[in-house]
Amino acid sequence: MVTQLSRNVRVRVACIGLVLAGLLGLVEWAAADPGLVTQSGLPVSVRPYAPEPGLPQFTYPTGVPGGVGGGSSAGGGSSAGGGGSSLPANATLDQVAQQDYIQTAAAAAGISPTALAATCMAESNCQNVGAAAGGTASGEFQMINSTYQAMINQFAQENPSIQVDSSLAGKMNPQNEAYAAAQYLQDGVQALQIDNIANPTNVDLRGYYQFGAGLAGDIANASAGDNLEQIVGLTPAQMAANGITPTTTVGEWRQTYANKVGAVAYQAVGA
């Protein structure tokens, strides 16, 4: 069981990481204008304040479809893995979960297609979006290059029978990025279970995908009325820059995700 002391140590280390990252200018913050959180959709994702190896940094896409890596929504980035998707922007979660590339990636990583589809929906409405100027977050799962590279390499190592394009040029192939995202979600399930969350839900896994392993357990164990800022350790200005107010509760954050993906937000990852 994770003790309060270990969590305090982890938070202190994370804060040190913030200072160092800030000095080096390595942390990019989302450029959303400050504003109140609404319940009409998921707010722009918060940049983690303590970057970990392979940790994703996600924002809502502002680039152009197929703008990075020579890929396209038809899977032109690579032929490895059987291509990708060209889903309409109004595709439902069930439609996404039934896509061959989602099914294949989820089965290989040992997670549910619903969990992978929900991540795709939350990140980009499953649109193969290129990176915005100055950033590298791209594709249907909006993974930054370092995260994609770490996760696709791990997936390839754990699934040697599957042909994988592990180059960055392959990231804009939805099949390849689905492999990488599925691997990250599998790692998230394991991290949450280590934090004594035996049967994590999709929204618990969203906390891992959005804020990283160091905070996922704390968010999952938090009460709905707990203040999100106090858990994630961001300043009011940083929260506002990401479209989240200093008074946003964990329950409100969970509900924005549920508004995006539906009732599956509160279902177990394996459901």
Protein backbone atom coordinates (compact mmCIF):
# COMPACT_ATOMS: atom_id res chain seq x y z
CA MET A 1 0.00 0.00 0.00
CA VAL A 2 1.30 3.45 -0.88
CA THR A 3 1.86 5.38 2.38
CA GLN A 4 1.20 9.05 2.89
CA LEU A 5 4.94 9.49 3.47
CA SER A 6 5.80 7.97 0.09
CA ARG A 7 3.23 10.17 -1.60
CA ASN A 8 4.68 13.25 0.12
CA VAL A 9 8.19 12.28 -1.03
CA ARG A 10 6.92 11.73 -4.53
CA VAL A 11 5.25 15.14 -4.62
CA ARG A 12 8.44 16.83 -3.30
CA VAL A 13 10.52 15.13 -5.95
CA ALA A 14 7.97 16.14 -8.55
CA CYS A 15 8.17 19.74 -7.46
CA ILE A 16 11.99 19.65 -7.77
CA GLY A 17 11.47 18.27 -11.26
CA LEU A 18 9.28 21.28 -12.04
CA VAL A 19 11.95 23.74 -10.98
CA LEU A 20 14.65 22.03 -13.03
CA ALA A 21 12.39 21.67 -16.05
CA GLY A 22 11.39 25.28 -15.83
CA LEU A 23 15.04 26.40 -15.71
CA LEU A 24 15.87 24.39 -18.79
CA GLY A 25 12.81 25.57 -20.65
CA LEU A 26 11.77 22.04 -21.41
CA VAL A 27 8.21 22.15 -20.19
CA GLU A 28 5.62 23.41 -22.70
CA TRP A 29 2.33 24.69 -21.34
CA ALA A 30 -0.89 24.67 -23.32
CA ALA A 31 -1.89 27.96 -24.89
CA ALA A 32 -5.59 27.94 -24.09
CA ASP A 33 -7.05 31.23 -22.91
CA PRO A 34 -8.12 31.36 -19.26
CA GLY A 35 -11.76 30.65 -18.71
CA LEU A 36 -14.29 28.83 -16.65
CA VAL A 37 -14.57 25.08 -16.94
CA THR A 38 -17.73 24.09 -18.75
CA GLN A 39 -19.42 20.72 -18.76
CA SER A 40 -19.83 20.58 -22.55
CA GLY A 41 -16.64 18.62 -23.12
CA LEU A 42 -13.20 17.74 -21.84
CA PRO A 43 -11.00 20.77 -21.10
CA VAL A 44 -7.58 21.08 -22.66
CA SER A 45 -5.30 18.56 -21.01
CA VAL A 46 -2.92 19.79 -18.32
CA ARG A 47 0.77 19.53 -19.02
CA PRO A 48 2.30 17.35 -16.27
CA TYR A 49 4.41 19.42 -13.88
CA ALA A 50 6.87 16.60 -13.18
CA PRO A 51 7.78 14.99 -16.50
CA GLU A 52 8.58 11.28 -16.29
CA PRO A 53 10.33 9.14 -18.92
CA GLY A 54 7.78 8.48 -21.61
CA LEU A 55 5.12 10.64 -19.99
CA PRO A 56 2.66 12.06 -22.53
CA GLN A 57 1.94 15.77 -22.77
CA PHE A 58 -1.48 16.18 -24.32
CA THR A 59 -3.52 19.11 -25.50
CA TYR A 60 -6.48 19.37 -27.79
CA PRO A 61 -5.12 19.36 -31.33
CA THR A 62 -4.65 22.67 -33.11
CA GLY A 63 -2.64 21.44 -36.09
CA VAL A 64 -3.84 20.12 -39.40
CA PRO A 65 -4.80 16.54 -40.20
CA GLY A 66 -1.94 14.43 -41.44
CA GLY A 67 0.54 17.29 -41.03
CA VAL A 68 3.42 15.37 -39.48
CA GLY A 69 5.47 12.39 -40.49
CA GLY A 70 4.04 12.00 -43.97
CA GLY A 71 0.96 10.28 -42.61
CA SER A 72 -2.72 10.74 -43.32
CA SER A 73 -6.05 9.73 -41.88
CA ALA A 74 -5.96 6.83 -44.30
CA GLY A 75 -2.85 5.45 -42.63
CA GLY A 76 -0.25 6.63 -45.11
CA GLY A 77 2.51 6.95 -42.51
CA SER A 78 3.46 3.30 -42.78
CA SER A 79 2.16 0.03 -44.06
CA ALA A 80 3.20 -1.80 -40.91
CA GLY A 81 0.28 -2.92 -38.81
CA GLY A 82 -2.29 -2.79 -41.58
CA GLY A 83 -2.96 0.91 -42.03
CA GLY A 84 -5.32 2.98 -39.92
CA SER A 85 -8.62 4.78 -39.78
CA SER A 86 -10.47 7.55 -41.54
CA LEU A 87 -13.18 7.96 -38.92
CA PRO A 88 -15.64 10.84 -39.20
CA ALA A 89 -15.42 13.48 -36.49
CA ASN A 90 -18.85 12.47 -35.20
CA ALA A 91 -18.03 8.78 -34.80
CA THR A 92 -19.51 7.20 -31.68
CA LEU A 93 -17.47 5.40 -29.05
CA ASP A 94 -18.92 2.06 -30.14
CA GLN A 95 -17.95 2.73 -33.74
CA VAL A 96 -14.40 3.57 -32.70
CA ALA A 97 -14.11 0.50 -30.47
CA GLN A 98 -15.13 -1.74 -33.37
CA GLN A 99 -12.37 -0.51 -35.68
CA ASP A 100 -9.92 -3.26 -36.60
CA TYR A 101 -6.85 -1.25 -35.57
CA ILE A 102 -8.36 -0.50 -32.15
CA GLN A 103 -9.32 -4.13 -31.64
CA THR A 104 -5.89 -5.37 -32.70
CA ALA A 105 -3.91 -2.96 -30.54
CA ALA A 106 -6.11 -3.48 -27.47
CA ALA A 107 -5.95 -7.27 -27.72
CA ALA A 108 -2.17 -7.24 -28.07
CA ALA A 109 -1.73 -5.00 -25.02
CA GLY A 110 -4.31 -6.84 -22.92
CA ILE A 111 -6.68 -3.92 -22.42
CA SER A 112 -10.28 -3.42 -23.52
CA PRO A 113 -11.06 -1.84 -26.91
CA THR A 114 -13.40 0.50 -25.04
CA ALA A 115 -10.55 1.91 -22.94
CA LEU A 116 -8.43 2.52 -26.02
CA ALA A 117 -11.34 4.00 -27.96
CA ALA A 118 -12.24 6.32 -25.08
CA THR A 119 -8.69 7.65 -25.00
CA CYS A 120 -8.80 8.28 -28.73
CA MET A 121 -12.13 10.10 -28.39
CA ALA A 122 -10.92 12.24 -25.47
CA GLU A 123 -7.72 13.25 -27.22
CA SER A 124 -8.83 14.13 -30.75
CA ASN A 125 -12.28 12.69 -31.54
CA CYS A 126 -10.16 10.03 -33.26
CA GLN A 127 -8.92 12.44 -35.90
CA ASN A 128 -5.37 12.00 -37.18
CA VAL A 129 -4.21 15.52 -36.35
CA GLY A 130 -0.76 16.90 -36.96
CA ALA A 131 1.26 18.76 -34.37
CA ALA A 132 0.78 22.47 -33.75
CA ALA A 133 3.69 24.86 -34.28
CA GLY A 134 6.33 24.35 -31.61
CA GLY A 135 4.97 21.02 -30.35
CA THR A 136 5.11 17.34 -31.21
CA ALA A 137 1.77 16.04 -29.89
CA SER A 138 0.06 14.53 -32.91
CA GLY A 139 -2.03 11.69 -34.24
CA GLU A 140 -5.31 10.27 -33.01
CA PHE A 141 -3.87 9.75 -29.54
CA GLN A 142 -1.95 13.06 -29.40
CA MET A 143 1.28 11.53 -28.15
CA ILE A 144 4.46 13.58 -28.08
CA ASN A 145 7.42 12.09 -29.91
CA SER A 146 9.32 10.94 -26.83
CA THR A 147 6.27 9.16 -25.42
CA TYR A 148 5.48 7.51 -28.72
CA GLN A 149 9.05 6.33 -29.17
CA ALA A 150 9.25 4.86 -25.67
CA MET A 151 5.88 3.14 -25.88
CA ILE A 152 6.18 1.79 -29.44
CA ASN A 153 9.57 0.32 -28.57
CA GLN A 154 8.13 -1.32 -25.46
CA PHE A 155 5.19 -2.66 -27.44
CA ALA A 156 7.47 -4.09 -30.12
CA GLN A 157 9.62 -5.77 -27.49
CA GLU A 158 6.64 -7.33 -25.74
CA ASN A 159 4.92 -8.35 -28.98
CA PRO A 160 7.67 -9.68 -31.27
CA SER A 161 5.17 -11.50 -33.49
CA ILE A 162 3.52 -8.21 -34.56
CA GLN A 163 5.11 -6.12 -37.29
CA VAL A 164 5.58 -2.61 -35.92
CA ASP A 165 7.02 0.52 -37.47
CA SER A 166 8.92 1.96 -34.51
CA SER A 167 10.19 5.02 -36.37
CA LEU A 168 8.79 8.48 -35.74
CA ALA A 169 7.69 8.50 -39.36
CA GLY A 170 5.20 5.79 -38.43
CA LYS A 171 3.50 7.78 -35.68
CA MET A 172 0.92 9.30 -38.00
CA ASN A 173 -0.25 5.82 -38.94
CA PRO A 174 -3.18 5.34 -36.53
CA GLN A 175 -2.39 1.63 -36.21
CA ASN A 176 1.13 2.33 -34.97
CA GLU A 177 0.05 5.04 -32.56
CA ALA A 178 -2.74 2.80 -31.32
CA TYR A 179 -0.08 0.23 -30.44
CA ALA A 180 1.88 2.84 -28.49
CA ALA A 181 -1.20 4.24 -26.72
CA ALA A 182 -2.42 0.75 -25.82
CA GLN A 183 0.97 0.01 -24.29
CA TYR A 184 0.81 3.18 -22.23
CA LEU A 185 -2.66 2.27 -21.01
CA GLN A 186 -1.50 -1.21 -20.07
CA ASP A 187 1.29 0.37 -18.04
CA GLY A 188 -1.35 2.61 -16.46
CA VAL A 189 -3.48 -0.31 -15.32
CA GLN A 190 -0.45 -1.87 -13.66
CA ALA A 191 0.54 1.41 -12.00
CA LEU A 192 -2.97 1.89 -10.60
CA GLN A 193 -3.04 -1.64 -9.27
CA ILE A 194 0.26 -1.01 -7.50
CA ASP A 195 -1.53 1.94 -5.89
CA ASN A 196 -4.10 -0.55 -4.53
CA ILE A 197 -6.77 0.26 -7.11
CA ALA A 198 -7.52 -3.34 -7.93
CA ASN A 199 -10.21 -2.70 -10.53
CA PRO A 200 -9.52 0.71 -12.11
CA THR A 201 -12.18 2.43 -14.17
CA ASN A 202 -11.70 4.21 -17.46
CA VAL A 203 -11.71 7.59 -15.73
CA ASP A 204 -9.02 6.32 -13.34
CA LEU A 205 -6.97 5.39 -16.38
CA ARG A 206 -7.66 8.82 -17.86
CA GLY A 207 -5.98 10.33 -14.81
CA TYR A 208 -2.89 8.25 -15.56
CA TYR A 209 -2.89 9.14 -19.25
CA GLN A 210 -3.36 12.85 -18.59
CA PHE A 211 -1.34 13.45 -15.41
CA GLY A 212 1.09 10.53 -15.26
CA ALA A 213 1.90 7.67 -12.94
CA GLY A 214 2.97 9.87 -10.03
CA LEU A 215 -0.50 11.35 -9.57
CA ALA A 216 -2.88 8.78 -11.03
CA GLY A 217 -3.44 6.92 -7.78
CA ASP A 218 -4.04 10.09 -5.79
CA ILE A 219 -6.61 11.30 -8.33
CA ALA A 220 -8.34 7.92 -8.47
CA ASN A 221 -8.57 7.75 -4.68
CA ALA A 222 -9.75 11.34 -4.28
CA SER A 223 -13.29 12.25 -3.30
CA ALA A 224 -15.47 14.01 -5.85
CA GLY A 225 -15.38 17.23 -3.84
CA ASP A 226 -11.58 17.36 -3.53
CA ASN A 227 -9.84 20.24 -5.25
CA LEU A 228 -7.97 19.09 -8.38
CA GLU A 229 -5.33 21.81 -8.17
CA GLN A 230 -4.31 20.75 -4.69
CA ILE A 231 -3.74 17.20 -5.92
CA VAL A 232 -1.85 17.90 -9.13
CA GLY A 233 0.19 20.74 -7.65
CA LEU A 234 -0.21 23.25 -10.47
CA THR A 235 -0.43 26.97 -9.80
CA PRO A 236 -3.68 28.86 -10.42
CA ALA A 237 -2.10 30.47 -13.49
CA GLN A 238 -1.08 27.10 -14.88
CA MET A 239 -4.54 25.69 -14.27
CA ALA A 240 -6.17 28.68 -15.96
CA ALA A 241 -3.83 28.42 -18.94
CA ASN A 242 -5.17 24.91 -19.45
CA GLY A 243 -8.83 25.84 -19.16
CA ILE A 244 -9.29 24.61 -15.59
CA THR A 245 -10.12 26.94 -12.73
CA PRO A 246 -8.44 26.77 -9.31
CA THR A 247 -11.80 25.67 -7.85
CA THR A 248 -12.36 22.75 -10.21
CA THR A 249 -13.11 19.62 -8.24
CA VAL A 250 -12.11 16.08 -9.05
CA GLY A 251 -15.78 15.30 -9.60
CA GLU A 252 -16.12 18.10 -12.17
CA TRP A 253 -13.00 16.89 -13.99
CA ARG A 254 -14.38 13.35 -14.06
CA GLN A 255 -17.70 14.58 -15.38
CA THR A 256 -16.11 16.44 -18.29
CA TYR A 257 -14.55 13.15 -19.33
CA ALA A 258 -17.87 11.34 -18.92
CA ASN A 259 -19.54 14.00 -21.07
CA LYS A 260 -17.04 13.15 -23.78
CA VAL A 261 -17.12 9.34 -23.72
CA GLY A 262 -20.38 8.50 -21.94
CA ALA A 263 -21.18 6.06 -19.15
CA VAL A 264 -18.13 3.91 -19.92
CA ALA A 265 -16.10 6.52 -18.04
CA TYR A 266 -17.13 4.87 -14.79
CA GLN A 267 -16.90 1.28 -15.98
CA ALA A 268 -13.98 -0.96 -15.13
CA VAL A 269 -11.20 -0.92 -17.71
CA GLY A 270 -11.86 -4.56 -18.55
CA ALA A 271 -15.61 -4.05 -19.11
